[in-house]
Amino acid sequence: MAEITWEEPYCAEGNNCFRIGTDTEGNAYIAVAGQEERHLTDSRDALRALIRDIKEGKADHLL
């Protein structure tokens, strides 16, 4: 398994903090901060679209 490089946690007001990670093979990862061993994997493009929707308030309920 490729090593994941995690970014600093992102915390929205009133929500759990989550972390974004990437590896050298082009995979993107998302996990609740502190629980990185239980991550979800997808393409960087899919993860980027999810984050964009969360920031725009479209997918806030997913977290």
C-alpha atoms as a PDB file:
ATOM      1  CA  MET A   1       0.000   0.000   0.000  1.00  0.00           C
ATOM      2  CA  ALA A   2       1.270   3.462  -0.883  1.00  0.00           C
ATOM      3  CA  GLU A   3       1.997   5.880   1.947  1.00  0.00           C
ATOM      4  CA  ILE A   4      -0.653   8.577   2.439  1.00  0.00           C
ATOM      5  CA  THR A   5       0.391  12.181   2.999  1.00  0.00           C
ATOM      6  CA  TRP A   6      -2.291  13.847   5.148  1.00  0.00           C
ATOM      7  CA  GLU A   7      -3.012  17.584   5.117  1.00  0.00           C
ATOM      8  CA  GLU A   8      -3.880  19.558   8.244  1.00  0.00           C
ATOM      9  CA  PRO A   9      -7.433  18.882   9.529  1.00  0.00           C
ATOM     10  CA  TYR A  10     -10.283  20.990   8.181  1.00  0.00           C
ATOM     11  CA  CYS A  11     -12.867  21.824  10.846  1.00  0.00           C
ATOM     12  CA  ALA A  12     -16.178  23.502  10.075  1.00  0.00           C
ATOM     13  CA  GLU A  13     -18.169  25.090  12.877  1.00  0.00           C
ATOM     14  CA  GLY A  14     -20.315  22.462  14.602  1.00  0.00           C
ATOM     15  CA  ASN A  15     -19.007  19.578  12.481  1.00  0.00           C
ATOM     16  CA  ASN A  16     -16.382  16.879  12.813  1.00  0.00           C
ATOM     17  CA  CYS A  17     -12.922  17.701  11.571  1.00  0.00           C
ATOM     18  CA  PHE A  18     -11.748  15.784   8.540  1.00  0.00           C
ATOM     19  CA  ARG A  19      -8.443  15.325   6.755  1.00  0.00           C
ATOM     20  CA  ILE A  20      -7.558  15.034   3.091  1.00  0.00           C
ATOM     21  CA  GLY A  21      -4.676  12.866   1.939  1.00  0.00           C
ATOM     22  CA  THR A  22      -2.989  11.882  -1.314  1.00  0.00           C
ATOM     23  CA  ASP A  23      -0.491   9.274  -2.405  1.00  0.00           C
ATOM     24  CA  THR A  24       2.046   9.099  -5.226  1.00  0.00           C
ATOM     25  CA  GLU A  25      -0.276   6.898  -7.328  1.00  0.00           C
ATOM     26  CA  GLY A  26      -2.873   9.642  -7.804  1.00  0.00           C
ATOM     27  CA  ASN A  27      -5.382   8.424  -5.216  1.00  0.00           C
ATOM     28  CA  ALA A  28      -7.107  10.807  -2.832  1.00  0.00           C
ATOM     29  CA  TYR A  29      -8.281   9.976   0.682  1.00  0.00           C
ATOM     30  CA  ILE A  30     -10.647  11.524   3.209  1.00  0.00           C
ATOM     31  CA  ALA A  31     -11.029  10.608   6.877  1.00  0.00           C
ATOM     32  CA  VAL A  32     -12.354  12.002  10.115  1.00  0.00           C
ATOM     33  CA  ALA A  33      -9.382  13.561  11.916  1.00  0.00           C
ATOM     34  CA  GLY A  34      -7.941  11.095  14.393  1.00  0.00           C
ATOM     35  CA  GLN A  35      -9.364   8.122  12.488  1.00  0.00           C
ATOM     36  CA  GLU A  36      -7.153   8.164   9.391  1.00  0.00           C
ATOM     37  CA  GLU A  37      -6.905   4.353   9.407  1.00  0.00           C
ATOM     38  CA  ARG A  38     -10.627   4.308   8.477  1.00  0.00           C
ATOM     39  CA  HIS A  39     -10.373   6.384   5.302  1.00  0.00           C
ATOM     40  CA  LEU A  40     -12.321   6.483   2.042  1.00  0.00           C
ATOM     41  CA  THR A  41     -10.439   6.365  -1.261  1.00  0.00           C
ATOM     42  CA  ASP A  42     -11.374   7.956  -4.587  1.00  0.00           C
ATOM     43  CA  SER A  43      -9.837   9.879  -7.437  1.00  0.00           C
ATOM     44  CA  ARG A  44      -8.520  13.375  -6.784  1.00  0.00           C
ATOM     45  CA  ASP A  45     -11.160  14.792  -9.138  1.00  0.00           C
ATOM     46  CA  ALA A  46     -14.023  13.139  -7.242  1.00  0.00           C
ATOM     47  CA  LEU A  47     -12.634  14.283  -3.908  1.00  0.00           C
ATOM     48  CA  ARG A  48     -12.113  17.821  -5.215  1.00  0.00           C
ATOM     49  CA  ALA A  49     -15.754  17.938  -6.377  1.00  0.00           C
ATOM     50  CA  LEU A  50     -16.978  16.717  -2.973  1.00  0.00           C
ATOM     51  CA  ILE A  51     -14.948  19.345  -1.120  1.00  0.00           C
ATOM     52  CA  ARG A  52     -16.152  22.087  -3.456  1.00  0.00           C
ATOM     53  CA  ASP A  53     -19.770  21.085  -2.779  1.00  0.00           C
ATOM     54  CA  ILE A  54     -19.189  20.976   0.973  1.00  0.00           C
ATOM     55  CA  LYS A  55     -17.659  24.458   0.955  1.00  0.00           C
ATOM     56  CA  GLU A  56     -20.611  25.755  -1.077  1.00  0.00           C
ATOM     57  CA  GLY A  57     -23.020  24.282   1.485  1.00  0.00           C
ATOM     58  CA  LYS A  58     -24.471  21.705  -0.907  1.00  0.00           C
ATOM     59  CA  ALA A  59     -23.199  18.616   0.883  1.00  0.00           C
ATOM     60  CA  ASP A  60     -22.834  19.769   4.487  1.00  0.00           C
ATOM     61  CA  HIS A  61     -25.123  16.982   5.702  1.00  0.00           C
ATOM     62  CA  LEU A  62     -22.696  14.321   4.400  1.00  0.00           C
ATOM     63  CA  LEU A  63     -20.219  15.089   7.150  1.00  0.00           C
END
